[in-house]
Amino acid sequence: LRATLHRRMGDPQVKNPWAIAYVLAHLPQPSGDVVHRLLDSLDHNDPDIRWAIGLLLVRLAGSDAGTTHELLRLCTVGNALQRRMAIYCLRDLNLQDGASTEVFFIALRDPDPLVRMAAAAGLKRRHLDAPGKDALLDVFLEDPDTRVKSVAAVTLAQIGAPSESFLRALNLAESSDNEQIRRAANAALSLLKNTRAAPSGR
């Protein structure tokens, strides 16, 4: 049955080969062809299908370093939607290694603003050092898309331990002419205030 499904998955006449790959991926030790079919389908026009495939890839990557490697590769070679979904998958894997963190920082310079937003939001789960926080601060200060700037501000606030430069930037953003930037600055300052006010647990 598996061999038959593999043949059908590769048949150009099959309308939805991703569905066959989805079934095969639930069987033990899915082949590389199955994984690549799922990766290729991360740009499906139906968002529910995209997310179902993404969740399955996260599960596969949890026990297969090869799938994780392919997700990292897709962040640079895929189309905009594939890159964004690959970033979301890597975010959900909660990786802390240098290679995957570097991919997120590269994605902060992606030409597609939605990819940059995904990367900025995903960095809140990373243990960032001072240079990493400075890179995210640069996004808040310089990115041409206000949505990306807003996500970067909130992410920095969620990470905590704000620098003086970030606090000054937030205070200036509170009086910005752009409503979205003002809201993001207020949200970030509120997060920082709540973090400082939270009990230490001692």
N, C-alpha and C. Protein backbone atom coordinates (compact mmCIF):
# COMPACT_ATOMS: atom_id res chain seq x y z
N LEU A 1 0.84 -1.20 0.00
CA LEU A 1 0.00 0.00 0.00
C LEU A 1 0.88 1.26 0.00
N ARG A 2 1.93 1.24 0.81
CA ARG A 2 2.83 2.39 0.85
C ARG A 2 3.46 2.65 -0.52
N ALA A 3 3.89 1.61 -1.17
CA ALA A 3 4.51 1.76 -2.49
C ALA A 3 3.50 2.33 -3.49
N THR A 4 2.26 1.89 -3.40
CA THR A 4 1.22 2.41 -4.30
C THR A 4 0.98 3.89 -4.05
N LEU A 5 0.93 4.27 -2.79
CA LEU A 5 0.72 5.68 -2.44
C LEU A 5 1.90 6.54 -2.92
N HIS A 6 3.10 6.01 -2.79
CA HIS A 6 4.27 6.75 -3.28
C HIS A 6 4.17 7.01 -4.78
N ARG A 7 3.74 6.00 -5.51
CA ARG A 7 3.60 6.17 -6.96
C ARG A 7 2.53 7.21 -7.27
N ARG A 8 1.44 7.16 -6.54
CA ARG A 8 0.36 8.12 -6.78
C ARG A 8 0.82 9.55 -6.43
N MET A 9 1.60 9.67 -5.38
CA MET A 9 2.08 10.99 -4.97
C MET A 9 2.92 11.63 -6.06
N GLY A 10 3.66 10.83 -6.80
CA GLY A 10 4.50 11.35 -7.87
C GLY A 10 3.82 11.45 -9.21
N ASP A 11 2.56 11.07 -9.29
CA ASP A 11 1.82 11.11 -10.55
C ASP A 11 1.38 12.55 -10.83
N PRO A 12 1.81 13.15 -11.93
CA PRO A 12 1.43 14.54 -12.23
C PRO A 12 -0.07 14.73 -12.44
N GLN A 13 -0.80 13.65 -12.65
CA GLN A 13 -2.24 13.74 -12.85
C GLN A 13 -3.01 13.84 -11.52
N VAL A 14 -2.33 13.55 -10.41
CA VAL A 14 -3.00 13.60 -9.11
C VAL A 14 -3.20 15.06 -8.71
N LYS A 15 -4.42 15.40 -8.33
CA LYS A 15 -4.77 16.79 -8.07
C LYS A 15 -4.17 17.31 -6.77
N ASN A 16 -4.19 16.49 -5.71
CA ASN A 16 -3.72 16.94 -4.40
C ASN A 16 -2.66 15.99 -3.84
N PRO A 17 -1.45 16.02 -4.41
CA PRO A 17 -0.43 15.09 -3.92
C PRO A 17 -0.03 15.35 -2.46
N TRP A 18 -0.26 16.57 -1.98
CA TRP A 18 0.06 16.85 -0.59
C TRP A 18 -0.74 15.96 0.35
N ALA A 19 -1.98 15.63 -0.04
CA ALA A 19 -2.83 14.80 0.82
C ALA A 19 -2.27 13.39 0.96
N ILE A 20 -1.71 12.88 -0.13
CA ILE A 20 -1.08 11.55 -0.07
C ILE A 20 0.17 11.62 0.81
N ALA A 21 0.96 12.69 0.63
CA ALA A 21 2.15 12.86 1.47
C ALA A 21 1.75 12.98 2.94
N TYR A 22 0.65 13.64 3.20
CA TYR A 22 0.18 13.81 4.58
C TYR A 22 -0.12 12.46 5.22
N VAL A 23 -0.72 11.56 4.45
CA VAL A 23 -1.01 10.21 4.95
C VAL A 23 0.29 9.45 5.17
N LEU A 24 1.17 9.49 4.17
CA LEU A 24 2.43 8.74 4.27
C LEU A 24 3.29 9.23 5.41
N ALA A 25 3.21 10.51 5.72
CA ALA A 25 4.05 11.08 6.78
C ALA A 25 3.65 10.58 8.17
N HIS A 26 2.44 10.02 8.28
CA HIS A 26 2.01 9.46 9.56
C HIS A 26 2.47 8.02 9.75
N LEU A 27 3.04 7.44 8.71
CA LEU A 27 3.58 6.08 8.82
C LEU A 27 5.01 6.16 9.34
N PRO A 28 5.53 5.07 9.91
CA PRO A 28 6.90 5.12 10.43
C PRO A 28 7.92 5.43 9.34
N GLN A 29 8.90 6.23 9.70
CA GLN A 29 10.03 6.56 8.84
C GLN A 29 9.60 7.01 7.43
N PRO A 30 8.91 8.12 7.34
CA PRO A 30 8.53 8.62 6.01
C PRO A 30 9.77 8.96 5.18
N SER A 31 9.66 8.77 3.89
CA SER A 31 10.80 8.98 3.00
C SER A 31 11.09 10.47 2.81
N GLY A 32 12.27 10.74 2.26
CA GLY A 32 12.62 12.12 1.94
C GLY A 32 11.69 12.74 0.93
N ASP A 33 11.18 11.92 -0.01
CA ASP A 33 10.23 12.44 -1.00
C ASP A 33 8.95 12.94 -0.33
N VAL A 34 8.51 12.23 0.69
CA VAL A 34 7.31 12.65 1.41
C VAL A 34 7.54 13.98 2.11
N VAL A 35 8.68 14.08 2.80
CA VAL A 35 9.00 15.32 3.51
C VAL A 35 9.11 16.49 2.53
N HIS A 36 9.76 16.28 1.39
CA HIS A 36 9.91 17.36 0.42
C HIS A 36 8.56 17.76 -0.18
N ARG A 37 7.68 16.81 -0.36
CA ARG A 37 6.34 17.16 -0.86
C ARG A 37 5.61 18.03 0.15
N LEU A 38 5.74 17.71 1.42
CA LEU A 38 5.11 18.53 2.45
C LEU A 38 5.73 19.92 2.50
N LEU A 39 7.05 19.98 2.41
CA LEU A 39 7.72 21.28 2.40
C LEU A 39 7.27 22.13 1.22
N ASP A 40 7.19 21.52 0.07
CA ASP A 40 6.74 22.24 -1.13
C ASP A 40 5.32 22.77 -0.97
N SER A 41 4.52 22.06 -0.18
CA SER A 41 3.11 22.41 -0.04
C SER A 41 2.85 23.44 1.07
N LEU A 42 3.93 23.95 1.68
CA LEU A 42 3.74 24.97 2.71
C LEU A 42 3.21 26.28 2.14
N ASP A 43 3.16 26.39 0.82
CA ASP A 43 2.57 27.60 0.22
C ASP A 43 1.18 27.33 -0.34
N HIS A 44 0.52 26.29 0.18
CA HIS A 44 -0.84 25.98 -0.29
C HIS A 44 -1.74 27.19 -0.08
N ASN A 45 -2.68 27.41 -0.98
CA ASN A 45 -3.53 28.60 -0.89
C ASN A 45 -4.57 28.51 0.21
N ASP A 46 -4.77 27.35 0.80
CA ASP A 46 -5.70 27.20 1.92
C ASP A 46 -4.89 27.28 3.22
N PRO A 47 -5.13 28.30 4.05
CA PRO A 47 -4.33 28.44 5.27
C PRO A 47 -4.49 27.27 6.24
N ASP A 48 -5.67 26.65 6.29
CA ASP A 48 -5.86 25.51 7.19
C ASP A 48 -4.96 24.35 6.77
N ILE A 49 -4.84 24.15 5.46
CA ILE A 49 -3.96 23.08 4.97
C ILE A 49 -2.51 23.42 5.25
N ARG A 50 -2.13 24.68 5.04
CA ARG A 50 -0.75 25.10 5.34
C ARG A 50 -0.40 24.80 6.79
N TRP A 51 -1.29 25.17 7.70
CA TRP A 51 -0.98 24.99 9.11
C TRP A 51 -1.00 23.52 9.51
N ALA A 52 -1.89 22.73 8.92
CA ALA A 52 -1.88 21.28 9.19
C ALA A 52 -0.56 20.66 8.76
N ILE A 53 -0.08 21.05 7.59
CA ILE A 53 1.20 20.55 7.10
C ILE A 53 2.33 21.04 8.01
N GLY A 54 2.27 22.31 8.40
CA GLY A 54 3.30 22.86 9.28
C GLY A 54 3.38 22.12 10.61
N LEU A 55 2.25 21.84 11.21
CA LEU A 55 2.23 21.11 12.48
C LEU A 55 2.81 19.71 12.32
N LEU A 56 2.50 19.07 11.20
CA LEU A 56 3.04 17.74 10.95
C LEU A 56 4.55 17.79 10.76
N LEU A 57 5.04 18.81 10.05
CA LEU A 57 6.49 18.95 9.85
C LEU A 57 7.20 19.20 11.18
N VAL A 58 6.59 19.97 12.06
CA VAL A 58 7.17 20.18 13.39
C VAL A 58 7.29 18.86 14.13
N ARG A 59 6.26 18.05 14.03
CA ARG A 59 6.30 16.75 14.70
C ARG A 59 7.40 15.87 14.13
N LEU A 60 7.51 15.86 12.80
CA LEU A 60 8.56 15.06 12.15
C LEU A 60 9.94 15.57 12.53
N ALA A 61 10.11 16.89 12.53
CA ALA A 61 11.41 17.47 12.83
C ALA A 61 11.83 17.20 14.27
N GLY A 62 10.86 16.99 15.14
CA GLY A 62 11.19 16.71 16.53
C GLY A 62 12.00 15.45 16.72
N SER A 63 11.91 14.53 15.77
CA SER A 63 12.66 13.27 15.87
C SER A 63 13.55 13.03 14.67
N ASP A 64 13.67 14.02 13.79
CA ASP A 64 14.45 13.84 12.57
C ASP A 64 15.20 15.12 12.25
N ALA A 65 16.51 15.12 12.48
CA ALA A 65 17.31 16.31 12.23
C ALA A 65 17.30 16.69 10.75
N GLY A 66 17.09 15.71 9.88
CA GLY A 66 17.06 16.00 8.45
C GLY A 66 15.91 16.91 8.08
N THR A 67 14.75 16.71 8.70
CA THR A 67 13.60 17.58 8.44
C THR A 67 13.88 18.99 8.95
N THR A 68 14.50 19.09 10.12
CA THR A 68 14.87 20.41 10.64
C THR A 68 15.81 21.12 9.67
N HIS A 69 16.78 20.40 9.14
CA HIS A 69 17.72 20.98 8.18
C HIS A 69 16.99 21.49 6.94
N GLU A 70 16.02 20.73 6.47
CA GLU A 70 15.26 21.15 5.28
C GLU A 70 14.42 22.39 5.57
N LEU A 71 13.89 22.50 6.77
CA LEU A 71 13.15 23.71 7.14
C LEU A 71 14.08 24.93 7.16
N LEU A 72 15.27 24.74 7.70
CA LEU A 72 16.25 25.83 7.70
C LEU A 72 16.59 26.25 6.27
N ARG A 73 16.77 25.27 5.40
CA ARG A 73 17.11 25.55 4.01
C ARG A 73 15.98 26.29 3.30
N LEU A 74 14.73 25.89 3.62
CA LEU A 74 13.58 26.50 2.96
C LEU A 74 13.46 27.99 3.30
N CYS A 75 14.00 28.38 4.45
CA CYS A 75 13.94 29.79 4.85
C CYS A 75 14.71 30.69 3.89
N THR A 76 15.60 30.12 3.10
CA THR A 76 16.39 30.92 2.17
C THR A 76 16.06 30.62 0.71
N VAL A 77 15.58 29.42 0.41
CA VAL A 77 15.36 29.06 -0.99
C VAL A 77 13.88 29.03 -1.38
N GLY A 78 12.98 29.04 -0.41
CA GLY A 78 11.56 28.95 -0.73
C GLY A 78 10.98 30.27 -1.18
N ASN A 79 9.73 30.22 -1.65
CA ASN A 79 9.04 31.48 -1.96
C ASN A 79 8.62 32.15 -0.64
N ALA A 80 8.04 33.34 -0.73
CA ALA A 80 7.76 34.12 0.47
C ALA A 80 6.87 33.37 1.45
N LEU A 81 5.84 32.71 0.96
CA LEU A 81 4.93 31.99 1.86
C LEU A 81 5.61 30.78 2.48
N GLN A 82 6.41 30.07 1.70
CA GLN A 82 7.15 28.93 2.25
C GLN A 82 8.16 29.39 3.30
N ARG A 83 8.83 30.52 3.02
CA ARG A 83 9.80 31.02 4.00
C ARG A 83 9.10 31.38 5.32
N ARG A 84 7.96 32.02 5.19
CA ARG A 84 7.24 32.42 6.42
C ARG A 84 6.77 31.20 7.22
N MET A 85 6.22 30.21 6.52
CA MET A 85 5.75 29.02 7.22
C MET A 85 6.91 28.24 7.83
N ALA A 86 8.05 28.21 7.14
CA ALA A 86 9.22 27.52 7.69
C ALA A 86 9.69 28.20 8.96
N ILE A 87 9.64 29.53 8.99
CA ILE A 87 9.99 30.27 10.21
C ILE A 87 9.05 29.90 11.35
N TYR A 88 7.76 29.83 11.06
CA TYR A 88 6.80 29.44 12.10
C TYR A 88 7.09 28.03 12.62
N CYS A 89 7.43 27.12 11.72
CA CYS A 89 7.76 25.75 12.13
C CYS A 89 8.98 25.74 13.04
N LEU A 90 10.01 26.46 12.65
CA LEU A 90 11.22 26.52 13.46
C LEU A 90 10.94 27.17 14.82
N ARG A 91 10.07 28.17 14.82
CA ARG A 91 9.69 28.79 16.09
C ARG A 91 9.08 27.75 17.03
N ASP A 92 8.18 26.93 16.50
CA ASP A 92 7.48 25.96 17.33
C ASP A 92 8.36 24.82 17.78
N LEU A 93 9.52 24.64 17.14
CA LEU A 93 10.46 23.61 17.58
C LEU A 93 11.26 24.06 18.80
N ASN A 94 11.20 25.37 19.12
CA ASN A 94 11.88 25.92 20.30
C ASN A 94 13.37 25.61 20.29
N LEU A 95 14.00 25.71 19.14
CA LEU A 95 15.43 25.48 19.04
C LEU A 95 16.20 26.64 19.65
N GLN A 96 17.39 26.35 20.14
CA GLN A 96 18.24 27.40 20.71
C GLN A 96 19.65 27.36 20.13
N ASP A 97 19.84 26.61 19.06
CA ASP A 97 21.18 26.49 18.47
C ASP A 97 21.52 27.72 17.64
N GLY A 98 22.81 27.90 17.39
CA GLY A 98 23.27 29.07 16.67
C GLY A 98 22.80 29.13 15.23
N ALA A 99 22.76 27.97 14.56
CA ALA A 99 22.39 27.96 13.14
C ALA A 99 20.96 28.43 12.93
N SER A 100 20.03 27.93 13.74
CA SER A 100 18.64 28.33 13.55
C SER A 100 18.42 29.78 13.99
N THR A 101 19.13 30.22 15.03
CA THR A 101 19.00 31.62 15.44
C THR A 101 19.49 32.54 14.33
N GLU A 102 20.58 32.16 13.66
CA GLU A 102 21.11 32.97 12.57
C GLU A 102 20.09 33.07 11.43
N VAL A 103 19.35 31.99 11.18
CA VAL A 103 18.32 32.02 10.14
C VAL A 103 17.25 33.06 10.47
N PHE A 104 16.89 33.16 11.75
CA PHE A 104 15.89 34.15 12.15
C PHE A 104 16.41 35.57 11.91
N PHE A 105 17.69 35.80 12.22
CA PHE A 105 18.24 37.13 12.00
C PHE A 105 18.36 37.45 10.52
N ILE A 106 18.68 36.46 9.71
CA ILE A 106 18.69 36.67 8.26
C ILE A 106 17.28 37.02 7.78
N ALA A 107 16.28 36.33 8.33
CA ALA A 107 14.89 36.58 7.93
C ALA A 107 14.42 37.98 8.33
N LEU A 108 15.07 38.60 9.30
CA LEU A 108 14.72 39.98 9.66
C LEU A 108 15.02 40.94 8.52
N ARG A 109 15.84 40.51 7.56
CA ARG A 109 16.17 41.34 6.40
C ARG A 109 15.49 40.83 5.13
N ASP A 110 14.52 39.94 5.29
CA ASP A 110 13.82 39.38 4.14
C ASP A 110 13.06 40.48 3.39
N PRO A 111 12.98 40.39 2.05
CA PRO A 111 12.23 41.42 1.32
C PRO A 111 10.73 41.42 1.60
N ASP A 112 10.20 40.31 2.10
CA ASP A 112 8.77 40.24 2.38
C ASP A 112 8.51 40.64 3.84
N PRO A 113 7.68 41.66 4.09
CA PRO A 113 7.47 42.11 5.47
C PRO A 113 6.81 41.05 6.36
N LEU A 114 5.99 40.18 5.80
CA LEU A 114 5.36 39.15 6.62
C LEU A 114 6.37 38.13 7.11
N VAL A 115 7.40 37.87 6.32
CA VAL A 115 8.49 37.00 6.77
C VAL A 115 9.25 37.68 7.90
N ARG A 116 9.51 38.98 7.74
CA ARG A 116 10.21 39.72 8.78
C ARG A 116 9.40 39.74 10.08
N MET A 117 8.08 39.88 9.96
CA MET A 117 7.23 39.85 11.14
C MET A 117 7.31 38.51 11.85
N ALA A 118 7.27 37.42 11.08
CA ALA A 118 7.35 36.09 11.67
C ALA A 118 8.67 35.89 12.39
N ALA A 119 9.76 36.37 11.78
CA ALA A 119 11.07 36.23 12.39
C ALA A 119 11.17 37.04 13.67
N ALA A 120 10.69 38.27 13.64
CA ALA A 120 10.75 39.12 14.84
C ALA A 120 9.94 38.52 15.98
N ALA A 121 8.76 38.01 15.67
CA ALA A 121 7.92 37.40 16.72
C ALA A 121 8.56 36.13 17.25
N GLY A 122 9.18 35.35 16.36
CA GLY A 122 9.79 34.08 16.77
C GLY A 122 10.99 34.25 17.67
N LEU A 123 11.64 35.40 17.61
CA LEU A 123 12.84 35.60 18.42
C LEU A 123 12.54 35.74 19.91
N LYS A 124 11.28 35.93 20.28
CA LYS A 124 10.99 36.05 21.71
C LYS A 124 11.24 34.74 22.45
N ARG A 125 11.31 33.62 21.70
CA ARG A 125 11.59 32.33 22.34
C ARG A 125 13.08 32.01 22.38
N ARG A 126 13.89 32.92 21.89
CA ARG A 126 15.34 32.70 21.84
C ARG A 126 16.02 33.41 23.01
N HIS A 127 17.15 32.86 23.42
CA HIS A 127 17.95 33.50 24.45
C HIS A 127 18.92 34.45 23.75
N LEU A 128 18.54 35.72 23.66
CA LEU A 128 19.32 36.67 22.89
C LEU A 128 20.33 37.39 23.78
N ASP A 129 21.55 37.54 23.25
CA ASP A 129 22.55 38.34 23.93
C ASP A 129 22.37 39.80 23.54
N ALA A 130 23.24 40.66 24.05
CA ALA A 130 23.10 42.10 23.79
C ALA A 130 23.17 42.43 22.30
N PRO A 131 24.11 41.84 21.51
CA PRO A 131 24.11 42.13 20.07
C PRO A 131 22.83 41.68 19.37
N GLY A 132 22.25 40.56 19.84
CA GLY A 132 21.00 40.10 19.25
C GLY A 132 19.87 41.07 19.52
N LYS A 133 19.81 41.58 20.75
CA LYS A 133 18.78 42.56 21.08
C LYS A 133 18.99 43.85 20.29
N ASP A 134 20.26 44.23 20.10
CA ASP A 134 20.54 45.43 19.32
C ASP A 134 20.08 45.28 17.87
N ALA A 135 20.24 44.07 17.32
CA ALA A 135 19.79 43.83 15.95
C ALA A 135 18.27 43.96 15.85
N LEU A 136 17.57 43.48 16.87
CA LEU A 136 16.12 43.59 16.88
C LEU A 136 15.70 45.05 17.11
N LEU A 137 16.48 45.77 17.91
CA LEU A 137 16.21 47.19 18.10
C LEU A 137 16.37 47.95 16.78
N ASP A 138 17.36 47.57 15.98
CA ASP A 138 17.54 48.21 14.68
C ASP A 138 16.30 48.02 13.80
N VAL A 139 15.68 46.85 13.91
CA VAL A 139 14.46 46.60 13.15
C VAL A 139 13.36 47.55 13.61
N PHE A 140 13.22 47.72 14.92
CA PHE A 140 12.22 48.63 15.46
C PHE A 140 12.47 50.07 14.99
N LEU A 141 13.71 50.45 14.92
CA LEU A 141 14.05 51.83 14.56
C LEU A 141 14.02 52.09 13.06
N GLU A 142 14.37 51.08 12.25
CA GLU A 142 14.66 51.35 10.85
C GLU A 142 13.78 50.61 9.84
N ASP A 143 13.07 49.57 10.22
CA ASP A 143 12.30 48.83 9.22
C ASP A 143 11.25 49.76 8.58
N PRO A 144 11.08 49.68 7.27
CA PRO A 144 10.13 50.57 6.60
C PRO A 144 8.66 50.21 6.82
N ASP A 145 8.39 49.01 7.35
CA ASP A 145 7.01 48.55 7.54
C ASP A 145 6.63 48.71 9.01
N THR A 146 5.57 49.44 9.27
CA THR A 146 5.18 49.70 10.66
C THR A 146 4.75 48.43 11.39
N ARG A 147 4.22 47.46 10.65
CA ARG A 147 3.83 46.19 11.30
C ARG A 147 5.06 45.48 11.84
N VAL A 148 6.12 45.47 11.07
CA VAL A 148 7.35 44.81 11.50
C VAL A 148 7.95 45.56 12.69
N LYS A 149 7.97 46.87 12.62
CA LYS A 149 8.48 47.68 13.73
C LYS A 149 7.71 47.38 15.01
N SER A 150 6.38 47.27 14.89
CA SER A 150 5.55 47.03 16.06
C SER A 150 5.83 45.68 16.69
N VAL A 151 5.96 44.66 15.86
CA VAL A 151 6.26 43.32 16.37
C VAL A 151 7.63 43.30 17.04
N ALA A 152 8.60 43.98 16.45
CA ALA A 152 9.94 44.02 17.04
C ALA A 152 9.91 44.68 18.42
N ALA A 153 9.14 45.74 18.57
CA ALA A 153 9.05 46.42 19.85
C ALA A 153 8.45 45.52 20.92
N VAL A 154 7.36 44.86 20.60
CA VAL A 154 6.70 43.99 21.57
C VAL A 154 7.59 42.79 21.90
N THR A 155 8.28 42.24 20.91
CA THR A 155 9.17 41.11 21.15
C THR A 155 10.30 41.51 22.11
N LEU A 156 10.90 42.66 21.88
CA LEU A 156 11.96 43.12 22.78
C LEU A 156 11.45 43.29 24.20
N ALA A 157 10.24 43.79 24.34
CA ALA A 157 9.67 43.95 25.67
C ALA A 157 9.41 42.60 26.33
N GLN A 158 8.97 41.63 25.54
CA GLN A 158 8.72 40.29 26.08
C GLN A 158 10.01 39.61 26.53
N ILE A 159 11.11 39.89 25.82
CA ILE A 159 12.40 39.31 26.20
C ILE A 159 12.85 39.86 27.54
N GLY A 160 12.57 41.15 27.81
CA GLY A 160 12.91 41.77 29.08
C GLY A 160 14.32 42.34 29.10
N ALA A 161 14.72 42.82 30.27
CA ALA A 161 16.03 43.44 30.47
C ALA A 161 16.31 44.46 29.38
N PRO A 162 15.45 45.49 29.26
CA PRO A 162 15.59 46.44 28.16
C PRO A 162 16.83 47.33 28.30
N SER A 163 17.42 47.68 27.17
CA SER A 163 18.55 48.60 27.17
C SER A 163 18.02 50.02 27.27
N GLU A 164 18.92 50.94 27.63
CA GLU A 164 18.54 52.35 27.69
C GLU A 164 18.13 52.86 26.31
N SER A 165 18.80 52.36 25.27
CA SER A 165 18.46 52.78 23.91
C SER A 165 17.04 52.37 23.54
N PHE A 166 16.64 51.17 23.95
CA PHE A 166 15.28 50.69 23.65
C PHE A 166 14.26 51.52 24.42
N LEU A 167 14.53 51.81 25.68
CA LEU A 167 13.59 52.60 26.47
C LEU A 167 13.44 54.01 25.89
N ARG A 168 14.54 54.61 25.47
CA ARG A 168 14.45 55.93 24.85
C ARG A 168 13.63 55.88 23.57
N ALA A 169 13.84 54.82 22.78
CA ALA A 169 13.10 54.68 21.52
C ALA A 169 11.61 54.51 21.79
N LEU A 170 11.25 53.76 22.84
CA LEU A 170 9.84 53.58 23.18
C LEU A 170 9.22 54.90 23.63
N ASN A 171 9.95 55.63 24.43
CA ASN A 171 9.42 56.91 24.91
C ASN A 171 9.19 57.88 23.76
N LEU A 172 10.08 57.88 22.79
CA LEU A 172 9.88 58.72 21.61
C LEU A 172 8.70 58.23 20.78
N ALA A 173 8.56 56.89 20.67
CA ALA A 173 7.49 56.32 19.85
C ALA A 173 6.12 56.58 20.43
N GLU A 174 6.05 56.85 21.74
CA GLU A 174 4.76 57.15 22.36
C GLU A 174 4.10 58.38 21.74
N SER A 175 4.89 59.28 21.20
CA SER A 175 4.34 60.49 20.59
C SER A 175 4.46 60.45 19.07
N SER A 176 4.59 59.28 18.51
CA SER A 176 4.70 59.14 17.05
C SER A 176 3.41 59.58 16.36
N ASP A 177 3.54 60.05 15.14
CA ASP A 177 2.36 60.40 14.35
C ASP A 177 1.62 59.17 13.87
N ASN A 178 2.28 58.01 13.91
CA ASN A 178 1.67 56.77 13.44
C ASN A 178 0.97 56.07 14.60
N GLU A 179 -0.33 55.85 14.44
CA GLU A 179 -1.12 55.26 15.53
C GLU A 179 -0.64 53.85 15.88
N GLN A 180 -0.29 53.05 14.88
CA GLN A 180 0.14 51.69 15.15
C GLN A 180 1.44 51.67 15.96
N ILE A 181 2.36 52.57 15.64
CA ILE A 181 3.61 52.65 16.39
C ILE A 181 3.34 53.10 17.82
N ARG A 182 2.42 54.06 17.99
CA ARG A 182 2.08 54.50 19.35
C ARG A 182 1.51 53.34 20.16
N ARG A 183 0.60 52.57 19.55
CA ARG A 183 0.01 51.44 20.27
C ARG A 183 1.07 50.40 20.63
N ALA A 184 1.98 50.14 19.70
CA ALA A 184 3.03 49.15 19.96
C ALA A 184 3.94 49.62 21.09
N ALA A 185 4.28 50.91 21.08
CA ALA A 185 5.13 51.45 22.14
C ALA A 185 4.43 51.36 23.49
N ASN A 186 3.16 51.70 23.53
CA ASN A 186 2.41 51.61 24.79
C ASN A 186 2.31 50.17 25.27
N ALA A 187 2.09 49.25 24.34
CA ALA A 187 2.01 47.83 24.70
C ALA A 187 3.34 47.34 25.26
N ALA A 188 4.43 47.74 24.60
CA ALA A 188 5.75 47.32 25.06
C ALA A 188 6.06 47.88 26.44
N LEU A 189 5.77 49.16 26.64
CA LEU A 189 6.01 49.77 27.95
C LEU A 189 5.16 49.14 29.04
N SER A 190 3.94 48.77 28.69
CA SER A 190 3.07 48.10 29.65
C SER A 190 3.63 46.73 30.02
N LEU A 191 4.13 46.01 29.03
CA LEU A 191 4.75 44.70 29.31
C LEU A 191 5.94 44.85 30.25
N LEU A 192 6.78 45.82 29.97
CA LEU A 192 7.96 46.04 30.81
C LEU A 192 7.56 46.44 32.23
N LYS A 193 6.54 47.28 32.33
CA LYS A 193 6.07 47.70 33.66
C LYS A 193 5.54 46.51 34.44
N ASN A 194 4.76 45.66 33.78
CA ASN A 194 4.19 44.48 34.47
C ASN A 194 5.29 43.51 34.89
N THR A 195 6.33 43.41 34.05
CA THR A 195 7.44 42.51 34.39
C THR A 195 8.18 43.01 35.63
N ARG A 196 8.39 44.32 35.70
CA ARG A 196 9.08 44.89 36.87
C ARG A 196 8.23 44.76 38.13
N ALA A 197 6.89 44.82 37.95
CA ALA A 197 6.00 44.76 39.12
C ALA A 197 5.71 43.34 39.57
N ALA A 198 6.03 42.35 38.75
CA ALA A 198 5.71 40.97 39.09
C ALA A 198 6.55 40.53 40.29
N PRO A 199 5.95 39.70 41.19
CA PRO A 199 6.71 39.22 42.36
C PRO A 199 7.85 38.32 41.92
N SER A 200 8.93 38.32 42.68
CA SER A 200 10.12 37.56 42.32
C SER A 200 9.95 36.07 42.54
N GLY A 201 8.99 35.67 43.37
CA GLY A 201 8.76 34.24 43.63
C GLY A 201 9.57 33.74 44.80
N ARG A 202 10.32 34.64 45.48
CA ARG A 202 11.11 34.21 46.64
C ARG A 202 10.25 34.15 47.89
